[in-house]
Structure formats: structure tokens, C-alpha cells
Amino acid sequence: MSAESKMDALTKALSALDKATPARKRLTALFDADSFVELDGFAKAGGESAGVVTGYGSIDGSPVFAFSQDITVQNGAVGKAHAGKIKKLYDLAAKTGAPVVGIYDSNGAMLKEGNDALNAYGEMLLWQNNLSGVVPQISVIAGTCAGCAAMIALSADFVIMTEKAELFMTAPFTAKAKGENVPGAGTAENAAKSGMAHIVAKDEDAAMEQARRIISMLPINNLSAAPICEAAAVEGVDAALRSAAENIENADMKALVEMIVDKDSFLELHKDFAVGAVSGFATLGGSTVGVVATTGEPICGGGCAKIARLVSICDAFQIPVLTFVNTKGFKASAQAELKGIVREAAKAAHVYAEATTPKVCVVMGQAYGPAYMVFAGRNANSDVTLAWPSAQISALAPETAVTMLYADQITDKNPRSAVEAKYKVEDASPFQAAADGYIEDVIDPAATRSVLISTLDMLEGKRVSKLPKKHGNMPL
């Protein structure tokens, strides 16, 4: 072949690579303008493209690796060449310590490759799990993500789905053929309600923007510091915070969090899953923090898992955790017990106890018994535990404590309500907890932000040596 013919062939090949497929459009939306560099663009599978686009670029100036499955080539089928490109991407991420974003849109395995396709999935899952806790990983599900691919996608730290995306282990039509008919099975809405998807975005552009936002808030790896950004406080909230403290039982905990952290910085995760808890990331004084807030409602097993997941991720990347406590406790019902509420509570307790990242707790309202132990007590191992004057800290809920300890004080002239009120003021008072050495300070609600910023500044250099062991055994 002449030099001219070779140049013509190369030009045609490059032109094919420049084709605006959905996979490439998604990568363009993900990365900073003109920063994407493709890797292994000429890799083939059965004479065609490998069905996935891989490469690297920058997000807000930070290096990031990404792959995007190409549904327009053999339905994005996963085979040996497909997995080989992704494996190389993970290898580079491990060597350089840069985050990985995987964009999923595939109808399944390349069946004609048989065991090679099965092995390809296995390698992808292995590399995903090997990098867990080393670099942040985000899965963006923009089309179909099924079977083995669904396991791989959910092994990432964060899962973002578009409203029209599909995520399932067993195809809904297969379940229906067996006589099962679950409305919404496999949909993004169901994934959000079941806790599989952290965020559901309206469309692909919104999903990429959410991925960019998460990356911009996190350190690029477990040895790096989180980025610092410009920050502004929410103005004019002092009166609202004090008012909330006076009526803490009816307070909107998410709204309180948004008043305390930097303006417009709170990114809620798992919004539609387990409403007894709120979790997400925010910035406080320009620094990234993980936020857990119990909402006042009893915490179910899903709420425990939601909290444990966030604290675990924060600990892996040395992101401080702020815990705002106001809860009646763990869900008390026979159904909750049958679903393993004790196991899930123990799981949350384990994660808090194991975490060595800076931890600060603010008890705003009720904190009784097991819930206090898990989130605010010595098990949580908070570096600093604070309380609002509205806090109620007790081994038992006031109504239970009065029944067991002060029933003899209840008379016609001294009704149960009066005895319970006295118990709250005296025995369950945050000032009593402070006097006993279980909390460091009782603070003005309006000063919460400034106190937290000062506390986190003090904890910036925290270092902890743990007992020698390979790992703890979480009650999964």
C-alpha cells in the first residue's frame, strides 16, 4: 500500500472515531472542554469497534479516567476486547491515583465469545473492587445496565441514573413470565426507592453535571486532600435556627443542615430512600464534609444502611463527618425485627466505630438509648460532641423512664405529663450530659456553623493508629 493510500485509510479511521455517537457525546459533556484524550481507539472485536470508548481528561482541572459503553456498536456488548480497554483504564487509575467514571449503556455480554465474555465481566468486577477506597468511582447509568454489569455498576462509590435508564439483575420481562408483576421493576424510580441509585437525573446532561459535581467535591484519591472552594454562609438564619430549637420535634432537619453549611452546597444522596435519615455532601467554610442527619422519624434498616454507606465513603477518603441527631430511635415493630433492624443498626454502629476520619456530632433533639449510642455516644467515637439546649439525652425515652423509675410520683395533683416534663428538664437535659462528661459543650443554635468550622479546623491534623488487624468483620 502506498504512503498516500495509508494516509487515506488513517484519515477515514480518524473520521470514524470522530463520529458523534452517544458514548462520545456523554464523555464530551463529562469532561472540561477539549480535555478528553481517547485511549485504544483502534481496538477491535470481530472486525468492529470494541463497543466502549475509554480515555482521560479533566474535571475542574483534576485528572479523571472514564469509559462510556457504545450502544451503537454491537449493542455495546461486553467481550474480551471491551473489558481489556476498561481493565487498562483501571490499571492507569491505580498507577496515577485518579478517579474513574463509568458510563453504562449495554444490552449485555457478547454471547458468541462464551466463557471469554464471562471472564471479561469478572475482570471488570475485580478491578472495580480492587480500587474501592483508593480512588473515587462513579457509575452513570445512561441506558440499560443489566445482570453482571449491574453488579459492577453498583460496586462504585456513587450511582447516578437518568430517568429513562434501566438497572436490574433479572429482566422485568423474565420475572413477569414467572408470574411476578412488580410495577416499576428495573426503572430509575425503583432504583432510587430501593437505595441502589444515589441520584436520579432528568437527562444525560444533568447526570454528567452531577458526576462532575461529586468529583469536584472529593479528593482525587485516598492520599490527597479534598479541594478547597470559595464559600459563603446563608444569611439571616440565626432566628430560624433558634426557633427550630424551640420546636425541634417538628423541625425539618434537611432545612437545618442547609442553613448551617455553605450556601447552596448541600448535595443530597439517596433522597428517596429511607426518609428517617438525610445524607450527602456539603462544604463548610469551603471544605468538603459528609453530612448525616436523622429526621426525627424512627430509623429503619434502610436508614442504617444509608448512613453507614456515607460514613464509610467519607472515612475512605478522610472527609470529615458531621452528624446531626434528632431521632425517636430505631424502628420498633415486629416487621422491622423480621427484616433485621438489629443487624442494620449494628452495621451502622460498626462503621462509626471503625471510622478514623474527623467526626463531630451535634445533638439537636431526641437521642435516646441505642440511637444515642450509635450516633452520638462513645461507640460513635466522635472527636467532639455538642448539643443544642433543646437536646434530650437519656438511656430511655422519657415516657418509658417515667413508667419504670418514677411511677410512684404520678398522682392526681402531679400528672404523668408533669413528671415527664421534669424528667426532660433534669435527667435528660444536655446540661446534665455535659456535667457527666458525655458532651463537650451546649451551644447556641445560631452559633452552630462557626463552632463547627472552628472544631474542624482544630481536627484537621487528626491521626489515629488502630489495633493491628486485616479488617473488622461488619455484621453484613
Protein backbone atom coordinates (compact mmCIF):
# COMPACT_ATOMS: atom_id res chain seq x y z
CA MET A 1 0.00 0.00 0.00
CA SER A 2 1.36 3.40 -1.00
CA ALA A 3 2.01 6.14 1.56
CA GLU A 4 -0.89 8.09 0.07
CA SER A 5 -3.26 5.12 0.44
CA LYS A 6 -2.13 4.62 4.04
CA MET A 7 -2.82 8.28 4.77
CA ASP A 8 -6.30 7.99 3.22
CA ALA A 9 -7.02 4.92 5.38
CA LEU A 10 -5.82 6.73 8.51
CA THR A 11 -7.97 9.76 7.69
CA LYS A 12 -11.04 7.56 7.26
CA ALA A 13 -10.30 5.77 10.53
CA LEU A 14 -9.92 9.05 12.41
CA SER A 15 -13.12 10.30 10.84
CA ALA A 16 -14.92 7.22 12.14
CA LEU A 17 -13.60 7.87 15.63
CA ASP A 18 -14.91 11.41 15.47
CA LYS A 19 -18.43 10.18 14.81
CA ALA A 20 -20.75 11.80 17.33
CA THR A 21 -22.09 8.64 18.97
CA PRO A 22 -23.99 8.85 22.26
CA ALA A 23 -20.95 7.41 24.03
CA ARG A 24 -18.69 10.22 22.83
CA LYS A 25 -21.28 12.92 23.46
CA ARG A 26 -21.52 11.77 27.08
CA LEU A 27 -17.76 11.96 27.54
CA THR A 28 -17.72 15.41 25.99
CA ALA A 29 -20.37 16.53 28.49
CA LEU A 30 -18.47 14.95 31.38
CA PHE A 31 -15.04 16.48 30.85
CA ASP A 32 -13.77 20.03 30.73
CA ALA A 33 -13.90 21.47 27.20
CA ASP A 34 -11.30 19.99 24.83
CA SER A 35 -9.64 17.95 27.58
CA PHE A 36 -10.69 14.41 26.61
CA VAL A 37 -7.95 12.14 25.21
CA GLU A 38 -9.04 8.75 23.89
CA LEU A 39 -7.13 5.53 24.58
CA ASP A 40 -7.16 2.35 22.44
CA GLY A 41 -9.39 3.97 19.85
CA PHE A 42 -8.49 1.38 17.20
CA ALA A 43 -9.14 -1.72 19.34
CA LYS A 44 -11.38 -4.20 17.52
CA ALA A 45 -13.75 -7.02 18.39
CA GLY A 46 -14.82 -9.23 15.50
CA GLY A 47 -13.72 -6.61 12.98
CA GLU A 48 -15.75 -3.86 14.63
CA SER A 49 -15.09 -1.32 17.37
CA ALA A 50 -14.83 -2.84 20.86
CA GLY A 51 -18.13 -1.22 21.90
CA VAL A 52 -16.69 1.09 24.53
CA VAL A 53 -14.86 4.42 24.41
CA THR A 54 -12.13 4.90 27.01
CA GLY A 55 -9.80 7.74 27.89
CA TYR A 56 -8.92 10.51 30.28
CA GLY A 57 -9.46 14.21 30.70
CA SER A 58 -10.02 16.79 33.40
CA ILE A 59 -12.96 17.83 35.56
CA ASP A 60 -12.50 21.26 37.10
CA GLY A 61 -8.83 20.84 36.29
CA SER A 62 -8.38 17.49 38.06
CA PRO A 63 -7.40 14.33 36.14
CA VAL A 64 -10.15 11.72 35.69
CA PHE A 65 -10.40 8.46 33.74
CA ALA A 66 -13.66 7.40 32.13
CA PHE A 67 -15.24 4.80 29.90
CA SER A 68 -18.51 5.06 28.01
CA GLN A 69 -20.21 1.99 26.56
CA ASP A 70 -21.24 2.46 22.92
CA ILE A 71 -24.71 1.06 22.31
CA THR A 72 -24.38 1.80 18.57
CA VAL A 73 -21.68 -0.89 18.14
CA GLN A 74 -22.91 -4.46 18.63
CA ASN A 75 -25.39 -3.13 21.23
CA GLY A 76 -22.45 -2.26 23.49
CA ALA A 77 -21.81 -5.98 24.01
CA VAL A 78 -19.16 -6.77 26.61
CA GLY A 79 -16.44 -9.09 25.40
CA LYS A 80 -12.71 -9.64 25.76
CA ALA A 81 -11.63 -6.51 23.85
CA HIS A 82 -14.30 -4.39 25.57
CA ALA A 83 -13.16 -5.47 29.03
CA GLY A 84 -9.50 -5.20 28.05
CA LYS A 85 -9.90 -1.49 27.35
CA ILE A 86 -11.64 -0.92 30.68
CA LYS A 87 -9.05 -3.02 32.55
CA LYS A 88 -6.26 -0.86 31.14
CA LEU A 89 -8.16 2.21 32.31
CA TYR A 90 -8.37 0.86 35.87
CA ASP A 91 -4.68 -0.03 35.75
CA LEU A 92 -3.79 3.55 34.82
CA ALA A 93 -6.10 4.89 37.53
CA ALA A 94 -4.34 2.71 40.11
CA LYS A 95 -0.91 3.90 38.97
CA THR A 96 -1.81 7.58 38.87
CA GLY A 97 -4.37 7.81 41.67
CA ALA A 98 -7.14 9.41 39.61
CA PRO A 99 -10.93 8.88 39.86
CA VAL A 100 -12.86 6.65 37.44
CA VAL A 101 -16.26 7.37 35.92
CA GLY A 102 -18.04 4.51 34.15
CA ILE A 103 -20.95 5.30 31.82
CA TYR A 104 -23.14 2.25 31.27
CA ASP A 105 -25.29 1.58 28.21
CA SER A 106 -25.15 -2.02 27.02
CA ASN A 107 -27.60 -4.81 26.26
CA GLY A 108 -25.32 -7.45 27.77
CA ALA A 109 -22.47 -9.81 27.02
CA MET A 110 -21.02 -10.76 23.64
CA LEU A 111 -22.55 -14.22 23.73
CA LYS A 112 -20.53 -15.61 20.81
CA GLU A 113 -17.40 -15.26 22.94
CA GLY A 114 -18.81 -17.66 25.54
CA ASN A 115 -16.55 -18.02 28.57
CA ASP A 116 -14.33 -15.19 27.36
CA ALA A 117 -17.27 -12.82 27.86
CA LEU A 118 -17.93 -14.24 31.34
CA ASN A 119 -14.27 -13.78 32.24
CA ALA A 120 -14.39 -10.23 30.87
CA TYR A 121 -17.14 -9.31 33.32
CA GLY A 122 -15.18 -10.95 36.13
CA GLU A 123 -12.08 -8.87 35.38
CA MET A 124 -14.11 -5.67 35.34
CA LEU A 125 -15.67 -6.50 38.71
CA LEU A 126 -12.26 -7.46 40.16
CA TRP A 127 -10.64 -4.19 39.15
CA GLN A 128 -13.59 -2.15 40.38
CA ASN A 129 -13.39 -3.77 43.81
CA ASN A 130 -9.58 -3.58 43.96
CA LEU A 131 -9.76 0.19 43.50
CA SER A 132 -12.55 0.65 46.03
CA GLY A 133 -11.44 3.12 48.68
CA VAL A 134 -8.34 4.07 46.68
CA VAL A 135 -9.87 6.45 44.14
CA PRO A 136 -13.45 7.73 43.92
CA GLN A 137 -15.57 5.74 41.47
CA ILE A 138 -18.83 6.89 39.92
CA SER A 139 -21.23 4.87 37.77
CA VAL A 140 -23.52 6.79 35.44
CA ILE A 141 -26.29 4.61 34.03
CA ALA A 142 -27.50 6.27 30.87
CA GLY A 143 -29.19 3.31 29.20
CA THR A 144 -29.56 -0.37 30.07
CA CYS A 145 -27.39 -1.88 32.78
CA ALA A 146 -28.30 -5.50 33.46
CA GLY A 147 -27.09 -8.69 35.09
CA CYS A 148 -23.33 -8.79 35.70
CA ALA A 149 -22.98 -5.18 34.56
CA ALA A 150 -25.46 -4.12 37.26
CA MET A 151 -23.24 -5.68 39.94
CA ILE A 152 -20.22 -3.86 38.53
CA ALA A 153 -22.02 -0.52 38.36
CA LEU A 154 -23.27 -0.81 41.94
CA SER A 155 -19.77 -1.60 43.20
CA ALA A 156 -18.84 2.04 42.59
CA ASP A 157 -18.96 4.62 45.37
CA PHE A 158 -21.81 6.51 43.70
CA VAL A 159 -24.51 5.53 41.22
CA ILE A 160 -26.25 8.15 39.09
CA MET A 161 -29.11 7.24 36.75
CA THR A 162 -31.07 9.12 34.14
CA GLU A 163 -34.85 8.95 34.46
CA LYS A 164 -35.17 6.65 31.44
CA ALA A 165 -32.29 4.32 32.35
CA GLU A 166 -32.78 0.68 33.36
CA LEU A 167 -30.98 -1.22 36.12
CA PHE A 168 -31.72 -4.83 37.05
CA MET A 169 -30.24 -8.23 37.77
CA THR A 170 -33.24 -10.13 36.39
CA ALA A 171 -35.04 -8.62 33.42
CA PRO A 172 -38.58 -7.47 34.27
CA PHE A 173 -39.99 -9.49 31.34
CA THR A 174 -38.35 -12.63 32.76
CA ALA A 175 -39.91 -12.02 36.17
CA LYS A 176 -43.27 -11.38 34.53
CA ALA A 177 -43.03 -14.69 32.67
CA LYS A 178 -42.68 -16.40 36.05
CA GLY A 179 -45.90 -14.82 37.24
CA GLU A 180 -44.32 -11.85 39.05
CA ASN A 181 -45.57 -8.40 38.17
CA VAL A 182 -43.89 -5.60 40.09
CA PRO A 183 -44.73 -2.15 38.71
CA GLY A 184 -41.60 -0.10 38.08
CA ALA A 185 -39.18 -3.02 38.29
CA GLY A 186 -35.87 -2.08 36.69
CA THR A 187 -36.66 1.63 36.47
CA ALA A 188 -34.63 4.51 37.86
CA GLU A 189 -37.50 5.39 40.17
CA ASN A 190 -37.39 1.91 41.70
CA ALA A 191 -33.59 2.05 41.96
CA ALA A 192 -33.86 5.28 43.93
CA LYS A 193 -36.52 3.93 46.30
CA SER A 194 -34.56 0.73 46.94
CA GLY A 195 -31.33 2.60 47.67
CA MET A 196 -29.42 1.43 44.59
CA ALA A 197 -29.19 4.84 42.90
CA HIS A 198 -27.76 7.78 44.84
CA ILE A 199 -29.10 10.33 42.37
CA VAL A 200 -31.68 10.23 39.57
CA ALA A 201 -31.08 12.97 37.00
CA LYS A 202 -33.59 14.25 34.46
CA ASP A 203 -31.41 13.53 31.42
CA GLU A 204 -27.87 12.69 30.35
CA ASP A 205 -26.54 16.24 30.58
CA ALA A 206 -27.90 16.55 34.11
CA ALA A 207 -26.36 13.18 35.04
CA MET A 208 -22.94 14.25 33.77
CA GLU A 209 -23.24 17.51 35.69
CA GLN A 210 -23.99 15.59 38.89
CA ALA A 211 -20.95 13.37 38.27
CA ARG A 212 -18.81 16.47 37.76
CA ARG A 213 -20.14 17.97 40.98
CA ILE A 214 -19.31 14.88 43.04
CA ILE A 215 -15.80 14.66 41.57
CA SER A 216 -15.22 18.36 42.27
CA MET A 217 -16.07 17.87 45.98
CA LEU A 218 -13.87 14.82 46.60
CA PRO A 219 -10.11 14.27 46.85
CA ILE A 220 -8.75 12.56 43.73
CA ASN A 221 -7.57 9.60 45.84
CA ASN A 222 -7.26 8.36 49.40
CA LEU A 223 -3.89 10.07 49.94
CA SER A 224 -4.93 13.51 48.70
CA ALA A 225 -6.77 16.31 50.46
CA ALA A 226 -10.23 17.40 49.37
CA PRO A 227 -10.32 20.58 47.29
CA ILE A 228 -10.98 23.94 48.93
CA CYS A 229 -13.56 26.23 47.34
CA GLU A 230 -14.93 29.70 47.90
CA ALA A 231 -17.80 29.69 50.34
CA ALA A 232 -20.49 31.92 51.73
CA ALA A 233 -22.76 31.45 54.72
CA VAL A 234 -26.52 31.50 54.41
CA GLU A 235 -27.51 34.92 55.73
CA GLY A 236 -30.20 35.78 58.25
CA VAL A 237 -30.74 32.30 59.70
CA ASP A 238 -29.96 32.95 63.38
CA ALA A 239 -33.60 33.49 64.34
CA ALA A 240 -34.71 30.48 62.28
CA LEU A 241 -32.18 28.19 63.99
CA ARG A 242 -33.21 29.34 67.46
CA SER A 243 -36.87 28.95 66.54
CA ALA A 244 -36.23 25.44 65.25
CA ALA A 245 -34.58 24.53 68.55
CA GLU A 246 -37.71 25.61 70.41
CA ASN A 247 -39.84 23.30 68.24
CA ILE A 248 -37.28 20.63 67.43
CA GLU A 249 -39.79 17.78 67.30
CA ASN A 250 -41.32 19.30 64.16
CA ALA A 251 -38.12 20.69 62.63
CA ASP A 252 -37.13 20.00 59.03
CA MET A 253 -33.66 18.53 59.52
CA LYS A 254 -32.64 18.90 55.89
CA ALA A 255 -33.55 22.59 56.02
CA LEU A 256 -31.49 22.98 59.20
CA VAL A 257 -28.49 21.36 57.51
CA GLU A 258 -28.81 23.73 54.56
CA MET A 259 -28.85 26.72 56.94
CA ILE A 260 -25.64 25.60 58.66
CA VAL A 261 -23.42 24.53 55.74
CA ASP A 262 -22.18 26.81 52.97
CA LYS A 263 -24.86 28.40 50.83
CA ASP A 264 -26.24 26.12 48.09
CA SER A 265 -23.56 23.50 48.77
CA PHE A 266 -25.60 20.56 50.10
CA LEU A 267 -25.76 17.64 47.68
CA GLU A 268 -28.27 15.11 48.98
CA LEU A 269 -27.75 11.44 48.22
CA HIS A 270 -30.40 8.69 48.35
CA LYS A 271 -33.11 11.35 48.59
CA ASP A 272 -35.98 8.89 48.04
CA PHE A 273 -34.59 6.07 50.15
CA ALA A 274 -35.20 5.67 53.90
CA VAL A 275 -36.72 9.00 54.94
CA GLY A 276 -35.66 8.57 58.57
CA ALA A 277 -32.23 9.89 57.65
CA VAL A 278 -30.71 12.52 55.38
CA SER A 279 -27.22 12.04 53.95
CA GLY A 280 -24.99 13.83 51.48
CA PHE A 281 -22.01 16.08 50.92
CA ALA A 282 -21.64 19.79 51.51
CA THR A 283 -18.93 22.34 52.07
CA LEU A 284 -18.42 24.14 55.35
CA GLY A 285 -16.10 27.11 55.27
CA GLY A 286 -15.07 25.96 51.79
CA SER A 287 -14.05 22.43 52.85
CA THR A 288 -15.95 19.26 51.93
CA VAL A 289 -17.82 17.43 54.70
CA GLY A 290 -20.08 14.40 54.80
CA VAL A 291 -23.43 15.09 56.44
CA VAL A 292 -25.72 12.69 58.30
CA ALA A 293 -28.94 13.96 59.87
CA THR A 294 -31.65 11.89 61.48
CA THR A 295 -35.04 13.40 60.73
CA GLY A 296 -36.96 12.78 63.93
CA GLU A 297 -38.70 9.75 62.48
CA PRO A 298 -37.73 6.23 63.63
CA ILE A 299 -34.76 4.90 61.69
CA CYS A 300 -35.42 1.77 59.63
CA GLY A 301 -32.90 -0.77 58.33
CA GLY A 302 -32.57 1.15 55.09
CA GLY A 303 -31.77 4.31 57.02
CA CYS A 304 -28.99 2.50 58.88
CA ALA A 305 -27.52 1.27 55.57
CA LYS A 306 -27.81 4.74 54.04
CA ILE A 307 -25.91 6.29 56.94
CA ALA A 308 -23.28 3.53 57.05
CA ARG A 309 -22.60 3.87 53.32
CA LEU A 310 -21.88 7.59 53.54
CA VAL A 311 -19.70 7.34 56.66
CA SER A 312 -17.71 4.50 55.08
CA ILE A 313 -17.02 6.53 51.93
CA CYS A 314 -16.06 9.59 53.97
CA ASP A 315 -13.67 7.52 56.08
CA ALA A 316 -12.01 6.02 52.98
CA PHE A 317 -11.17 9.48 51.66
CA GLN A 318 -10.60 11.27 55.00
CA ILE A 319 -13.62 13.52 54.63
CA PRO A 320 -14.92 14.82 58.00
CA VAL A 321 -18.36 13.59 59.06
CA LEU A 322 -20.93 15.87 60.69
CA THR A 323 -23.78 14.04 62.41
CA PHE A 324 -26.92 15.92 63.44
CA VAL A 325 -29.03 13.83 65.81
CA ASN A 326 -32.76 14.10 66.38
CA THR A 327 -34.46 10.74 66.44
CA LYS A 328 -37.00 8.71 68.35
CA GLY A 329 -34.71 5.73 67.86
CA PHE A 330 -34.72 2.67 65.64
CA LYS A 331 -37.97 1.47 64.17
CA ALA A 332 -39.86 -0.58 66.74
CA SER A 333 -42.12 -3.17 65.13
CA ALA A 334 -42.31 -6.90 64.55
CA GLN A 335 -41.88 -6.31 60.82
CA ALA A 336 -38.69 -4.30 61.40
CA GLU A 337 -37.33 -7.07 63.61
CA LEU A 338 -38.06 -9.69 60.94
CA LYS A 339 -36.20 -7.53 58.39
CA GLY A 340 -33.14 -7.46 60.62
CA ILE A 341 -33.24 -3.99 62.17
CA VAL A 342 -30.78 -5.11 64.87
CA ARG A 343 -28.26 -6.25 62.26
CA GLU A 344 -28.59 -2.99 60.33
CA ALA A 345 -28.21 -0.90 63.49
CA ALA A 346 -25.12 -2.93 64.41
CA LYS A 347 -23.78 -2.27 60.90
CA ALA A 348 -24.12 1.49 61.36
CA ALA A 349 -22.51 1.22 64.80
CA HIS A 350 -19.60 -0.75 63.33
CA VAL A 351 -18.92 1.80 60.60
CA TYR A 352 -18.98 4.73 63.03
CA ALA A 353 -16.68 2.93 65.47
CA GLU A 354 -14.21 1.97 62.72
CA ALA A 355 -14.08 5.39 61.06
CA THR A 356 -10.98 7.41 61.93
CA THR A 357 -11.82 10.47 59.87
CA PRO A 358 -12.70 13.59 61.93
CA LYS A 359 -16.20 13.15 63.40
CA VAL A 360 -18.28 15.84 65.05
CA CYS A 361 -21.78 15.29 66.41
CA VAL A 362 -24.46 17.85 67.24
CA VAL A 363 -27.40 16.54 69.27
CA MET A 364 -30.26 18.85 68.35
CA GLY A 365 -33.24 16.96 69.72
CA GLN A 366 -34.01 13.47 70.93
CA ALA A 367 -31.16 10.98 71.42
CA TYR A 368 -32.28 8.01 73.46
CA GLY A 369 -30.86 4.58 74.21
CA PRO A 370 -29.42 2.59 71.28
CA ALA A 371 -29.76 5.51 68.83
CA TYR A 372 -27.72 7.74 71.13
CA MET A 373 -25.07 5.02 71.48
CA VAL A 374 -24.73 4.51 67.71
CA PHE A 375 -24.68 8.12 66.53
CA ALA A 376 -23.58 10.27 69.47
CA GLY A 377 -22.27 8.09 72.29
CA ARG A 378 -18.87 6.59 72.91
CA ASN A 379 -19.41 3.96 70.18
CA ALA A 380 -19.56 6.71 67.56
CA ASN A 381 -16.18 7.85 68.90
CA SER A 382 -16.90 11.45 67.96
CA ASP A 383 -13.94 13.73 68.43
CA VAL A 384 -16.29 16.42 69.68
CA THR A 385 -19.95 16.04 70.68
CA LEU A 386 -22.03 19.19 71.03
CA ALA A 387 -25.66 19.78 71.90
CA TRP A 388 -28.34 22.38 71.48
CA PRO A 389 -30.30 23.42 74.58
CA SER A 390 -33.23 21.54 73.02
CA ALA A 391 -31.38 18.21 73.16
CA GLN A 392 -32.71 15.32 75.21
CA ILE A 393 -30.12 12.69 76.06
CA SER A 394 -31.21 9.66 78.04
CA ALA A 395 -30.83 5.91 78.32
CA LEU A 396 -34.63 5.65 77.97
CA ALA A 397 -37.32 7.68 76.29
CA PRO A 398 -38.94 9.95 78.93
CA GLU A 399 -42.29 8.14 78.81
CA THR A 400 -40.55 4.79 79.37
CA ALA A 401 -38.24 6.15 82.05
CA VAL A 402 -41.13 7.63 84.00
CA THR A 403 -43.05 4.35 83.85
CA MET A 404 -40.08 2.36 85.09
CA LEU A 405 -38.47 4.79 87.52
CA TYR A 406 -40.96 7.41 88.66
CA ALA A 407 -44.40 5.80 88.51
CA ASP A 408 -44.82 6.43 92.23
CA GLN A 409 -44.61 10.19 91.64
CA ILE A 410 -47.66 10.23 89.38
CA THR A 411 -50.71 11.49 91.28
CA ASP A 412 -53.88 13.44 90.58
CA LYS A 413 -52.05 16.63 91.51
CA ASN A 414 -48.86 15.60 89.71
CA PRO A 415 -49.96 14.01 86.38
CA ARG A 416 -47.74 11.90 84.13
CA SER A 417 -47.16 14.85 81.78
CA ALA A 418 -45.65 16.89 84.61
CA VAL A 419 -43.40 14.04 85.70
CA GLU A 420 -42.22 13.52 82.10
CA ALA A 421 -41.57 17.25 81.69
CA LYS A 422 -39.49 17.25 84.89
CA TYR A 423 -37.53 14.22 83.64
CA LYS A 424 -36.72 16.01 80.37
CA VAL A 425 -35.54 19.14 82.16
CA GLU A 426 -33.49 17.39 84.83
CA ASP A 427 -32.44 13.84 83.89
CA ALA A 428 -32.44 14.15 80.06
CA SER A 429 -31.02 17.67 79.95
CA PRO A 430 -27.95 18.33 77.76
CA PHE A 431 -26.50 20.27 80.68
CA GLN A 432 -26.68 17.11 82.78
CA ALA A 433 -24.94 15.18 79.97
CA ALA A 434 -22.26 17.86 79.86
CA ALA A 435 -21.87 17.72 83.64
CA ASP A 436 -21.40 13.94 83.36
CA GLY A 437 -18.71 14.44 80.69
CA TYR A 438 -20.62 12.90 77.80
CA ILE A 439 -20.75 16.03 75.63
CA GLU A 440 -18.20 18.83 75.27
CA ASP A 441 -20.49 21.84 75.12
CA VAL A 442 -24.06 23.10 74.92
CA ILE A 443 -24.13 25.75 72.21
CA ASP A 444 -26.38 28.49 70.93
CA PRO A 445 -28.11 27.09 67.80
CA ALA A 446 -27.22 30.30 65.94
CA ALA A 447 -23.52 29.65 66.62
CA THR A 448 -23.56 26.12 65.20
CA ARG A 449 -21.83 27.00 61.93
CA SER A 450 -18.99 28.98 63.48
CA VAL A 451 -18.41 26.38 66.20
CA LEU A 452 -18.28 23.57 63.62
CA ILE A 453 -15.83 25.45 61.40
CA SER A 454 -13.56 26.10 64.38
CA THR A 455 -13.83 22.47 65.52
CA LEU A 456 -12.97 21.06 62.07
CA ASP A 457 -10.00 23.43 61.80
CA MET A 458 -8.74 22.04 65.10
CA LEU A 459 -9.22 18.44 63.87
CA GLU A 460 -7.51 18.96 60.51
CA GLY A 461 -4.35 17.19 61.61
CA LYS A 462 -6.10 14.23 63.26
CA ARG A 463 -4.12 10.98 63.11
CA VAL A 464 -5.22 7.66 64.62
CA SER A 465 -3.34 4.36 64.97
CA LYS A 466 -5.70 1.38 65.07
CA LEU A 467 -5.23 -2.08 66.52
CA PRO A 468 -3.29 -4.31 64.09
CA LYS A 469 -5.73 -6.36 62.03
CA LYS A 470 -6.57 -7.05 58.41
CA HIS A 471 -10.10 -5.67 58.78
CA GLY A 472 -13.06 -5.68 61.13
CA ASN A 473 -15.96 -8.04 60.49
CA MET A 474 -19.02 -5.92 59.81
CA PRO A 475 -22.38 -7.58 60.61
CA LEU A 476 -23.48 -7.65 56.96
